[in-house]
Amino acid sequence: HEQADDIVAKLEAGAVAGAHTWISESSPPHKSEPRFEDGWFAGA
């Protein structure tokens, strides 16, 4: 049980880390205004 919990927790943490990477690498729409881009990156 303990090892199974550890394995599944690591898989789930990896899925969340994948979402983190996706969000971190996202970009605002092309040719956005600088203020919009600043807000986009702050939110991301």
ModelCIF file with pLDDT and N, C-alpha, C, O atoms, coordinates in Angstrom:
data_MODEL
#
_entry.id   MODEL 
#
_entity.id                         1 
_entity.type                       polymer 
_entity.pdbx_number_of_molecules   1 
#
_entity_poly.entity_id                      1 
_entity_poly.type                           'polypeptide(L)' 
_entity_poly.nstd_linkage                   no 
_entity_poly.nstd_monomer                   no 
_entity_poly.pdbx_seq_one_letter_code       HEQADDIVAKLEAGAVAGAHTWISESSPPHKSEPRFEDGWFAGA 
_entity_poly.pdbx_seq_one_letter_code_can   HEQADDIVAKLEAGAVAGAHTWISESSPPHKSEPRFEDGWFAGA 
_entity_poly.pdbx_strand_id                 A 
#
loop_
_entity_poly_seq.entity_id 
_entity_poly_seq.num 
_entity_poly_seq.mon_id 
_entity_poly_seq.hetero 
1 1  HIS n 
1 2  GLU n 
1 3  GLN n 
1 4  ALA n 
1 5  ASP n 
1 6  ASP n 
1 7  ILE n 
1 8  VAL n 
1 9  ALA n 
1 10 LYS n 
1 11 LEU n 
1 12 GLU n 
1 13 ALA n 
1 14 GLY n 
1 15 ALA n 
1 16 VAL n 
1 17 ALA n 
1 18 GLY n 
1 19 ALA n 
1 20 HIS n 
1 21 THR n 
1 22 TRP n 
1 23 ILE n 
1 24 SER n 
1 25 GLU n 
1 26 SER n 
1 27 SER n 
1 28 PRO n 
1 29 PRO n 
1 30 HIS n 
1 31 LYS n 
1 32 SER n 
1 33 GLU n 
1 34 PRO n 
1 35 ARG n 
1 36 PHE n 
1 37 GLU n 
1 38 ASP n 
1 39 GLY n 
1 40 TRP n 
1 41 PHE n 
1 42 ALA n 
1 43 GLY n 
1 44 ALA n 
#
_struct_asym.id          A 
_struct_asym.entity_id   1 
#
loop_
_ma_qa_metric.id 
_ma_qa_metric.mode 
_ma_qa_metric.name 
_ma_qa_metric.software_group_id 
_ma_qa_metric.type 
1 global pLDDT . pLDDT 
2 local  pLDDT . pLDDT 
#
_ma_qa_metric_global.metric_id      1 
_ma_qa_metric_global.metric_value   92.36 
_ma_qa_metric_global.model_id       1 
_ma_qa_metric_global.ordinal_id     1 
#
loop_
_ma_qa_metric_local.label_asym_id 
_ma_qa_metric_local.label_comp_id 
_ma_qa_metric_local.label_seq_id 
_ma_qa_metric_local.metric_id 
_ma_qa_metric_local.metric_value 
_ma_qa_metric_local.model_id 
_ma_qa_metric_local.ordinal_id 
A HIS 1  2 86.00 1 1  
A GLU 2  2 87.00 1 2  
A GLN 3  2 89.00 1 3  
A ALA 4  2 87.00 1 4  
A ASP 5  2 88.00 1 5  
A ASP 6  2 89.00 1 6  
A ILE 7  2 90.00 1 7  
A VAL 8  2 89.00 1 8  
A ALA 9  2 89.00 1 9  
A LYS 10 2 91.00 1 10 
A LEU 11 2 91.00 1 11 
A GLU 12 2 90.00 1 12 
A ALA 13 2 92.00 1 13 
A GLY 14 2 93.00 1 14 
A ALA 15 2 93.00 1 15 
A VAL 16 2 93.00 1 16 
A ALA 17 2 94.00 1 17 
A GLY 18 2 94.00 1 18 
A ALA 19 2 94.00 1 19 
A HIS 20 2 94.00 1 20 
A THR 21 2 94.00 1 21 
A TRP 22 2 93.00 1 22 
A ILE 23 2 93.00 1 23 
A SER 24 2 91.00 1 24 
A GLU 25 2 92.00 1 25 
A SER 26 2 92.00 1 26 
A SER 27 2 93.00 1 27 
A PRO 28 2 93.00 1 28 
A PRO 29 2 92.00 1 29 
A HIS 30 2 91.00 1 30 
A LYS 31 2 92.00 1 31 
A SER 32 2 94.00 1 32 
A GLU 33 2 96.00 1 33 
A PRO 34 2 94.00 1 34 
A ARG 35 2 95.00 1 35 
A PHE 36 2 95.00 1 36 
A GLU 37 2 94.00 1 37 
A ASP 38 2 95.00 1 38 
A GLY 39 2 96.00 1 39 
A TRP 40 2 94.00 1 40 
A PHE 41 2 95.00 1 41 
A ALA 42 2 96.00 1 42 
A GLY 43 2 96.00 1 43 
A ALA 44 2 95.00 1 44 
#
loop_
_atom_site.group_PDB 
_atom_site.id 
_atom_site.type_symbol 
_atom_site.label_atom_id 
_atom_site.label_alt_id 
_atom_site.label_comp_id 
_atom_site.label_asym_id 
_atom_site.label_entity_id 
_atom_site.label_seq_id 
_atom_site.pdbx_PDB_ins_code 
_atom_site.Cartn_x 
_atom_site.Cartn_y 
_atom_site.Cartn_z 
_atom_site.occupancy 
_atom_site.B_iso_or_equiv 
_atom_site.pdbx_formal_charge 
_atom_site.auth_seq_id 
_atom_site.auth_comp_id 
_atom_site.auth_asym_id 
_atom_site.auth_atom_id 
_atom_site.pdbx_PDB_model_num 
ATOM 1   N N  . HIS A 1 1  ? 0.816  -1.221 0.000   1.00 86.00 ? 1  HIS A N  1 
ATOM 2   C CA . HIS A 1 1  ? 0.000  0.000  0.000   1.00 86.00 ? 1  HIS A CA 1 
ATOM 3   C C  . HIS A 1 1  ? 0.849  1.271  0.000   1.00 86.00 ? 1  HIS A C  1 
ATOM 4   O O  . HIS A 1 1  ? 0.574  2.194  -0.766  1.00 86.00 ? 1  HIS A O  1 
ATOM 5   N N  . GLU A 1 2  ? 1.864  1.327  0.840   1.00 87.00 ? 2  GLU A N  1 
ATOM 6   C CA . GLU A 1 2  ? 2.666  2.551  0.929   1.00 87.00 ? 2  GLU A CA 1 
ATOM 7   C C  . GLU A 1 2  ? 3.392  2.837  -0.375  1.00 87.00 ? 2  GLU A C  1 
ATOM 8   O O  . GLU A 1 2  ? 3.431  3.981  -0.829  1.00 87.00 ? 2  GLU A O  1 
ATOM 9   N N  . GLN A 1 3  ? 3.970  1.800  -0.984  1.00 89.00 ? 3  GLN A N  1 
ATOM 10  C CA . GLN A 1 3  ? 4.672  1.996  -2.248  1.00 89.00 ? 3  GLN A CA 1 
ATOM 11  C C  . GLN A 1 3  ? 3.681  2.361  -3.355  1.00 89.00 ? 3  GLN A C  1 
ATOM 12  O O  . GLN A 1 3  ? 3.989  3.199  -4.202  1.00 89.00 ? 3  GLN A O  1 
ATOM 13  N N  . ALA A 1 4  ? 2.497  1.745  -3.358  1.00 87.00 ? 4  ALA A N  1 
ATOM 14  C CA . ALA A 1 4  ? 1.473  2.076  -4.354  1.00 87.00 ? 4  ALA A CA 1 
ATOM 15  C C  . ALA A 1 4  ? 1.046  3.532  -4.217  1.00 87.00 ? 4  ALA A C  1 
ATOM 16  O O  . ALA A 1 4  ? 0.885  4.231  -5.218  1.00 87.00 ? 4  ALA A O  1 
ATOM 17  N N  . ASP A 1 5  ? 0.862  3.992  -2.977  1.00 88.00 ? 5  ASP A N  1 
ATOM 18  C CA . ASP A 1 5  ? 0.512  5.409  -2.762  1.00 88.00 ? 5  ASP A CA 1 
ATOM 19  C C  . ASP A 1 5  ? 1.591  6.315  -3.333  1.00 88.00 ? 5  ASP A C  1 
ATOM 20  O O  . ASP A 1 5  ? 1.289  7.319  -3.977  1.00 88.00 ? 5  ASP A O  1 
ATOM 21  N N  . ASP A 1 6  ? 2.838  5.963  -3.099  1.00 89.00 ? 6  ASP A N  1 
ATOM 22  C CA . ASP A 1 6  ? 3.965  6.767  -3.573  1.00 89.00 ? 6  ASP A CA 1 
ATOM 23  C C  . ASP A 1 6  ? 4.002  6.813  -5.102  1.00 89.00 ? 6  ASP A C  1 
ATOM 24  O O  . ASP A 1 6  ? 4.213  7.873  -5.691  1.00 89.00 ? 6  ASP A O  1 
ATOM 25  N N  . ILE A 1 7  ? 3.797  5.664  -5.735  1.00 90.00 ? 7  ILE A N  1 
ATOM 26  C CA . ILE A 1 7  ? 3.821  5.600  -7.206  1.00 90.00 ? 7  ILE A CA 1 
ATOM 27  C C  . ILE A 1 7  ? 2.709  6.465  -7.800  1.00 90.00 ? 7  ILE A C  1 
ATOM 28  O O  . ILE A 1 7  ? 2.955  7.273  -8.695  1.00 90.00 ? 7  ILE A O  1 
ATOM 29  N N  . VAL A 1 8  ? 1.489  6.290  -7.298  1.00 89.00 ? 8  VAL A N  1 
ATOM 30  C CA . VAL A 1 8  ? 0.352  7.039  -7.849  1.00 89.00 ? 8  VAL A CA 1 
ATOM 31  C C  . VAL A 1 8  ? 0.495  8.540  -7.565  1.00 89.00 ? 8  VAL A C  1 
ATOM 32  O O  . VAL A 1 8  ? 0.180  9.362  -8.425  1.00 89.00 ? 8  VAL A O  1 
ATOM 33  N N  . ALA A 1 9  ? 0.965  8.897  -6.375  1.00 89.00 ? 9  ALA A N  1 
ATOM 34  C CA . ALA A 1 9  ? 1.154  10.317 -6.052  1.00 89.00 ? 9  ALA A CA 1 
ATOM 35  C C  . ALA A 1 9  ? 2.172  10.953 -7.002  1.00 89.00 ? 9  ALA A C  1 
ATOM 36  O O  . ALA A 1 9  ? 1.991  12.091 -7.433  1.00 89.00 ? 9  ALA A O  1 
ATOM 37  N N  . LYS A 1 10 ? 3.236  10.224 -7.327  1.00 91.00 ? 10 LYS A N  1 
ATOM 38  C CA . LYS A 1 10 ? 4.242  10.761 -8.255  1.00 91.00 ? 10 LYS A CA 1 
ATOM 39  C C  . LYS A 1 10 ? 3.677  10.909 -9.660  1.00 91.00 ? 10 LYS A C  1 
ATOM 40  O O  . LYS A 1 10 ? 3.985  11.877 -10.354 1.00 91.00 ? 10 LYS A O  1 
ATOM 41  N N  . LEU A 1 11 ? 2.850  9.954  -10.085 1.00 91.00 ? 11 LEU A N  1 
ATOM 42  C CA . LEU A 1 11 ? 2.203  10.081 -11.394 1.00 91.00 ? 11 LEU A CA 1 
ATOM 43  C C  . LEU A 1 11 ? 1.292  11.304 -11.444 1.00 91.00 ? 11 LEU A C  1 
ATOM 44  O O  . LEU A 1 11 ? 1.312  12.064 -12.412 1.00 91.00 ? 11 LEU A O  1 
ATOM 45  N N  . GLU A 1 12 ? 0.496  11.488 -10.396 1.00 90.00 ? 12 GLU A N  1 
ATOM 46  C CA . GLU A 1 12 ? -0.413 12.626 -10.364 1.00 90.00 ? 12 GLU A CA 1 
ATOM 47  C C  . GLU A 1 12 ? 0.346  13.945 -10.283 1.00 90.00 ? 12 GLU A C  1 
ATOM 48  O O  . GLU A 1 12 ? -0.035 14.921 -10.928 1.00 90.00 ? 12 GLU A O  1 
ATOM 49  N N  . ALA A 1 13 ? 1.422  13.980 -9.490  1.00 92.00 ? 13 ALA A N  1 
ATOM 50  C CA . ALA A 1 13 ? 2.241  15.198 -9.415  1.00 92.00 ? 13 ALA A CA 1 
ATOM 51  C C  . ALA A 1 13 ? 2.868  15.497 -10.779 1.00 92.00 ? 13 ALA A C  1 
ATOM 52  O O  . ALA A 1 13 ? 3.000  16.658 -11.168 1.00 92.00 ? 13 ALA A O  1 
ATOM 53  N N  . GLY A 1 14 ? 3.252  14.443 -11.497 1.00 93.00 ? 14 GLY A N  1 
ATOM 54  C CA . GLY A 1 14 ? 3.806  14.634 -12.838 1.00 93.00 ? 14 GLY A CA 1 
ATOM 55  C C  . GLY A 1 14 ? 2.790  15.217 -13.801 1.00 93.00 ? 14 GLY A C  1 
ATOM 56  O O  . GLY A 1 14 ? 3.140  16.031 -14.656 1.00 93.00 ? 14 GLY A O  1 
ATOM 57  N N  . ALA A 1 15 ? 1.531  14.806 -13.672 1.00 93.00 ? 15 ALA A N  1 
ATOM 58  C CA . ALA A 1 15 ? 0.479  15.361 -14.526 1.00 93.00 ? 15 ALA A CA 1 
ATOM 59  C C  . ALA A 1 15 ? 0.293  16.848 -14.248 1.00 93.00 ? 15 ALA A C  1 
ATOM 60  O O  . ALA A 1 15 ? 0.128  17.644 -15.173 1.00 93.00 ? 15 ALA A O  1 
ATOM 61  N N  . VAL A 1 16 ? 0.323  17.219 -12.968 1.00 93.00 ? 16 VAL A N  1 
ATOM 62  C CA . VAL A 1 16 ? 0.190  18.636 -12.615 1.00 93.00 ? 16 VAL A CA 1 
ATOM 63  C C  . VAL A 1 16 ? 1.422  19.404 -13.104 1.00 93.00 ? 16 VAL A C  1 
ATOM 64  O O  . VAL A 1 16 ? 1.303  20.535 -13.576 1.00 93.00 ? 16 VAL A O  1 
ATOM 65  N N  . ALA A 1 17 ? 2.595  18.792 -12.989 1.00 94.00 ? 17 ALA A N  1 
ATOM 66  C CA . ALA A 1 17 ? 3.818  19.445 -13.475 1.00 94.00 ? 17 ALA A CA 1 
ATOM 67  C C  . ALA A 1 17 ? 3.749  19.657 -14.987 1.00 94.00 ? 17 ALA A C  1 
ATOM 68  O O  . ALA A 1 17 ? 4.262  20.653 -15.499 1.00 94.00 ? 17 ALA A O  1 
ATOM 69  N N  . GLY A 1 18 ? 3.118  18.728 -15.701 1.00 94.00 ? 18 GLY A N  1 
ATOM 70  C CA . GLY A 1 18 ? 2.931  18.907 -17.142 1.00 94.00 ? 18 GLY A CA 1 
ATOM 71  C C  . GLY A 1 18 ? 2.045  20.104 -17.440 1.00 94.00 ? 18 GLY A C  1 
ATOM 72  O O  . GLY A 1 18 ? 2.299  20.854 -18.382 1.00 94.00 ? 18 GLY A O  1 
ATOM 73  N N  . ALA A 1 19 ? 0.996  20.281 -16.630 1.00 94.00 ? 19 ALA A N  1 
ATOM 74  C CA . ALA A 1 19 ? 0.140  21.462 -16.803 1.00 94.00 ? 19 ALA A CA 1 
ATOM 75  C C  . ALA A 1 19 ? 0.935  22.723 -16.500 1.00 94.00 ? 19 ALA A C  1 
ATOM 76  O O  . ALA A 1 19 ? 0.762  23.745 -17.164 1.00 94.00 ? 19 ALA A O  1 
ATOM 77  N N  . HIS A 1 20 ? 1.808  22.653 -15.496 1.00 94.00 ? 20 HIS A N  1 
ATOM 78  C CA . HIS A 1 20 ? 2.676  23.788 -15.146 1.00 94.00 ? 20 HIS A CA 1 
ATOM 79  C C  . HIS A 1 20 ? 3.527  24.178 -16.351 1.00 94.00 ? 20 HIS A C  1 
ATOM 80  O O  . HIS A 1 20 ? 3.627  25.355 -16.698 1.00 94.00 ? 20 HIS A O  1 
ATOM 81  N N  . THR A 1 21 ? 4.139  23.176 -16.984 1.00 94.00 ? 21 THR A N  1 
ATOM 82  C CA . THR A 1 21 ? 4.990  23.451 -18.143 1.00 94.00 ? 21 THR A CA 1 
ATOM 83  C C  . THR A 1 21 ? 4.178  24.064 -19.273 1.00 94.00 ? 21 THR A C  1 
ATOM 84  O O  . THR A 1 21 ? 4.624  25.011 -19.921 1.00 94.00 ? 21 THR A O  1 
ATOM 85  N N  . TRP A 1 22 ? 2.995  23.528 -19.508 1.00 93.00 ? 22 TRP A N  1 
ATOM 86  C CA . TRP A 1 22 ? 2.154  24.036 -20.590 1.00 93.00 ? 22 TRP A CA 1 
ATOM 87  C C  . TRP A 1 22 ? 1.794  25.498 -20.347 1.00 93.00 ? 22 TRP A C  1 
ATOM 88  O O  . TRP A 1 22 ? 1.867  26.320 -21.260 1.00 93.00 ? 22 TRP A O  1 
ATOM 89  N N  . ILE A 1 23 ? 1.406  25.820 -19.116 1.00 93.00 ? 23 ILE A N  1 
ATOM 90  C CA . ILE A 1 23 ? 1.053  27.205 -18.780 1.00 93.00 ? 23 ILE A CA 1 
ATOM 91  C C  . ILE A 1 23 ? 2.281  28.107 -18.873 1.00 93.00 ? 23 ILE A C  1 
ATOM 92  O O  . ILE A 1 23 ? 2.200  29.211 -19.412 1.00 93.00 ? 23 ILE A O  1 
ATOM 93  N N  . SER A 1 24 ? 3.419  27.642 -18.351 1.00 91.00 ? 24 SER A N  1 
ATOM 94  C CA . SER A 1 24 ? 4.638  28.450 -18.348 1.00 91.00 ? 24 SER A CA 1 
ATOM 95  C C  . SER A 1 24 ? 5.109  28.777 -19.763 1.00 91.00 ? 24 SER A C  1 
ATOM 96  O O  . SER A 1 24 ? 5.699  29.832 -19.995 1.00 91.00 ? 24 SER A O  1 
ATOM 97  N N  . GLU A 1 25 ? 4.850  27.880 -20.703 1.00 92.00 ? 25 GLU A N  1 
ATOM 98  C CA . GLU A 1 25 ? 5.316  28.080 -22.072 1.00 92.00 ? 25 GLU A CA 1 
ATOM 99  C C  . GLU A 1 25 ? 4.262  28.732 -22.963 1.00 92.00 ? 25 GLU A C  1 
ATOM 100 O O  . GLU A 1 25 ? 4.498  28.930 -24.155 1.00 92.00 ? 25 GLU A O  1 
ATOM 101 N N  . SER A 1 26 ? 3.113  29.063 -22.402 1.00 92.00 ? 26 SER A N  1 
ATOM 102 C CA . SER A 1 26 ? 2.061  29.680 -23.211 1.00 92.00 ? 26 SER A CA 1 
ATOM 103 C C  . SER A 1 26 ? 2.423  31.123 -23.534 1.00 92.00 ? 26 SER A C  1 
ATOM 104 O O  . SER A 1 26 ? 3.219  31.754 -22.838 1.00 92.00 ? 26 SER A O  1 
ATOM 105 N N  . SER A 1 27 ? 1.831  31.621 -24.584 1.00 93.00 ? 27 SER A N  1 
ATOM 106 C CA . SER A 1 27 ? 2.096  32.988 -25.024 1.00 93.00 ? 27 SER A CA 1 
ATOM 107 C C  . SER A 1 27 ? 0.782  33.701 -25.291 1.00 93.00 ? 27 SER A C  1 
ATOM 108 O O  . SER A 1 27 ? -0.230 33.073 -25.605 1.00 93.00 ? 27 SER A O  1 
ATOM 109 N N  . PRO A 1 28 ? 0.811  35.010 -25.163 1.00 93.00 ? 28 PRO A N  1 
ATOM 110 C CA . PRO A 1 28 ? -0.403 35.778 -25.502 1.00 93.00 ? 28 PRO A CA 1 
ATOM 111 C C  . PRO A 1 28 ? -0.635 35.714 -27.009 1.00 93.00 ? 28 PRO A C  1 
ATOM 112 O O  . PRO A 1 28 ? 0.272  35.374 -27.769 1.00 93.00 ? 28 PRO A O  1 
ATOM 113 N N  . PRO A 1 29 ? -1.841 36.039 -27.435 1.00 92.00 ? 29 PRO A N  1 
ATOM 114 C CA . PRO A 1 29 ? -2.118 36.049 -28.881 1.00 92.00 ? 29 PRO A CA 1 
ATOM 115 C C  . PRO A 1 29 ? -1.110 36.926 -29.626 1.00 92.00 ? 29 PRO A C  1 
ATOM 116 O O  . PRO A 1 29 ? -0.649 37.944 -29.112 1.00 92.00 ? 29 PRO A O  1 
ATOM 117 N N  . HIS A 1 30 ? -0.781 36.505 -30.846 1.00 91.00 ? 30 HIS A N  1 
ATOM 118 C CA . HIS A 1 30 ? 0.191  37.223 -31.675 1.00 91.00 ? 30 HIS A CA 1 
ATOM 119 C C  . HIS A 1 30 ? -0.248 38.682 -31.895 1.00 91.00 ? 30 HIS A C  1 
ATOM 120 O O  . HIS A 1 30 ? -1.424 38.960 -32.129 1.00 91.00 ? 30 HIS A O  1 
ATOM 121 N N  . LYS A 1 31 ? 0.696  39.580 -31.819 1.00 92.00 ? 31 LYS A N  1 
ATOM 122 C CA . LYS A 1 31 ? 0.491  41.023 -32.029 1.00 92.00 ? 31 LYS A CA 1 
ATOM 123 C C  . LYS A 1 31 ? -0.415 41.656 -30.983 1.00 92.00 ? 31 LYS A C  1 
ATOM 124 O O  . LYS A 1 31 ? -1.187 42.565 -31.287 1.00 92.00 ? 31 LYS A O  1 
ATOM 125 N N  . SER A 1 32 ? -0.318 41.165 -29.734 1.00 94.00 ? 32 SER A N  1 
ATOM 126 C CA . SER A 1 32 ? -1.093 41.775 -28.643 1.00 94.00 ? 32 SER A CA 1 
ATOM 127 C C  . SER A 1 32 ? -0.398 43.047 -28.195 1.00 94.00 ? 32 SER A C  1 
ATOM 128 O O  . SER A 1 32 ? 0.801  43.227 -28.407 1.00 94.00 ? 32 SER A O  1 
ATOM 129 N N  . GLU A 1 33 ? -1.166 43.921 -27.576 1.00 96.00 ? 33 GLU A N  1 
ATOM 130 C CA . GLU A 1 33 ? -0.588 45.150 -27.040 1.00 96.00 ? 33 GLU A CA 1 
ATOM 131 C C  . GLU A 1 33 ? 0.339  44.811 -25.873 1.00 96.00 ? 33 GLU A C  1 
ATOM 132 O O  . GLU A 1 33 ? 0.122  43.818 -25.178 1.00 96.00 ? 33 GLU A O  1 
ATOM 133 N N  . PRO A 1 34 ? 1.375  45.632 -25.654 1.00 94.00 ? 34 PRO A N  1 
ATOM 134 C CA . PRO A 1 34 ? 2.331  45.347 -24.574 1.00 94.00 ? 34 PRO A CA 1 
ATOM 135 C C  . PRO A 1 34 ? 1.673  45.220 -23.197 1.00 94.00 ? 34 PRO A C  1 
ATOM 136 O O  . PRO A 1 34 ? 2.063  44.356 -22.412 1.00 94.00 ? 34 PRO A O  1 
ATOM 137 N N  . ARG A 1 35 ? 0.700  46.048 -22.896 1.00 95.00 ? 35 ARG A N  1 
ATOM 138 C CA . ARG A 1 35 ? 0.036  45.949 -21.589 1.00 95.00 ? 35 ARG A CA 1 
ATOM 139 C C  . ARG A 1 35 ? -0.695 44.628 -21.449 1.00 95.00 ? 35 ARG A C  1 
ATOM 140 O O  . ARG A 1 35 ? -0.673 44.021 -20.378 1.00 95.00 ? 35 ARG A O  1 
ATOM 141 N N  . PHE A 1 36 ? -1.341 44.173 -22.511 1.00 95.00 ? 36 PHE A N  1 
ATOM 142 C CA . PHE A 1 36 ? -2.027 42.889 -22.493 1.00 95.00 ? 36 PHE A CA 1 
ATOM 143 C C  . PHE A 1 36 ? -1.009 41.765 -22.285 1.00 95.00 ? 36 PHE A C  1 
ATOM 144 O O  . PHE A 1 36 ? -1.241 40.854 -21.491 1.00 95.00 ? 36 PHE A O  1 
ATOM 145 N N  . GLU A 1 37 ? 0.118  41.832 -22.999 1.00 94.00 ? 37 GLU A N  1 
ATOM 146 C CA . GLU A 1 37 ? 1.162  40.818 -22.859 1.00 94.00 ? 37 GLU A CA 1 
ATOM 147 C C  . GLU A 1 37 ? 1.700  40.779 -21.428 1.00 94.00 ? 37 GLU A C  1 
ATOM 148 O O  . GLU A 1 37 ? 1.917  39.705 -20.867 1.00 94.00 ? 37 GLU A O  1 
ATOM 149 N N  . ASP A 1 38 ? 1.913  41.969 -20.839 1.00 95.00 ? 38 ASP A N  1 
ATOM 150 C CA . ASP A 1 38 ? 2.393  42.019 -19.449 1.00 95.00 ? 38 ASP A CA 1 
ATOM 151 C C  . ASP A 1 38 ? 1.393  41.319 -18.511 1.00 95.00 ? 38 ASP A C  1 
ATOM 152 O O  . ASP A 1 38 ? 1.793  40.537 -17.649 1.00 95.00 ? 38 ASP A O  1 
ATOM 153 N N  . GLY A 1 39 ? 0.116  41.599 -18.683 1.00 96.00 ? 39 GLY A N  1 
ATOM 154 C CA . GLY A 1 39 ? -0.915 40.959 -17.870 1.00 96.00 ? 39 GLY A CA 1 
ATOM 155 C C  . GLY A 1 39 ? -0.978 39.457 -18.117 1.00 96.00 ? 39 GLY A C  1 
ATOM 156 O O  . GLY A 1 39 ? -1.166 38.670 -17.189 1.00 96.00 ? 39 GLY A O  1 
ATOM 157 N N  . TRP A 1 40 ? -0.821 39.076 -19.366 1.00 94.00 ? 40 TRP A N  1 
ATOM 158 C CA . TRP A 1 40 ? -0.829 37.654 -19.710 1.00 94.00 ? 40 TRP A CA 1 
ATOM 159 C C  . TRP A 1 40 ? 0.288  36.921 -18.973 1.00 94.00 ? 40 TRP A C  1 
ATOM 160 O O  . TRP A 1 40 ? 0.057  35.900 -18.326 1.00 94.00 ? 40 TRP A O  1 
ATOM 161 N N  . PHE A 1 41 ? 1.495  37.456 -19.082 1.00 95.00 ? 41 PHE A N  1 
ATOM 162 C CA . PHE A 1 41 ? 2.641  36.787 -18.466 1.00 95.00 ? 41 PHE A CA 1 
ATOM 163 C C  . PHE A 1 41 ? 2.546  36.797 -16.938 1.00 95.00 ? 41 PHE A C  1 
ATOM 164 O O  . PHE A 1 41 ? 2.951  35.831 -16.291 1.00 95.00 ? 41 PHE A O  1 
ATOM 165 N N  . ALA A 1 42 ? 2.016  37.876 -16.356 1.00 96.00 ? 42 ALA A N  1 
ATOM 166 C CA . ALA A 1 42 ? 1.838  37.919 -14.898 1.00 96.00 ? 42 ALA A CA 1 
ATOM 167 C C  . ALA A 1 42 ? 0.827  36.851 -14.464 1.00 96.00 ? 42 ALA A C  1 
ATOM 168 O O  . ALA A 1 42 ? 1.048  36.146 -13.479 1.00 96.00 ? 42 ALA A O  1 
ATOM 169 N N  . GLY A 1 43 ? -0.268 36.737 -15.196 1.00 96.00 ? 43 GLY A N  1 
ATOM 170 C CA . GLY A 1 43 ? -1.268 35.722 -14.885 1.00 96.00 ? 43 GLY A CA 1 
ATOM 171 C C  . GLY A 1 43 ? -0.713 34.317 -15.056 1.00 96.00 ? 43 GLY A C  1 
ATOM 172 O O  . GLY A 1 43 ? -0.966 33.438 -14.232 1.00 96.00 ? 43 GLY A O  1 
ATOM 173 N N  . ALA A 1 44 ? 0.045  34.105 -16.130 1.00 95.00 ? 44 ALA A N  1 
ATOM 174 C CA . ALA A 1 44 ? 0.638  32.788 -16.370 1.00 95.00 ? 44 ALA A CA 1 
ATOM 175 C C  . ALA A 1 44 ? 1.624  32.433 -15.247 1.00 95.00 ? 44 ALA A C  1 
ATOM 176 O O  . ALA A 1 44 ? 2.226  31.360 -15.271 1.00 95.00 ? 44 ALA A O  1 
#
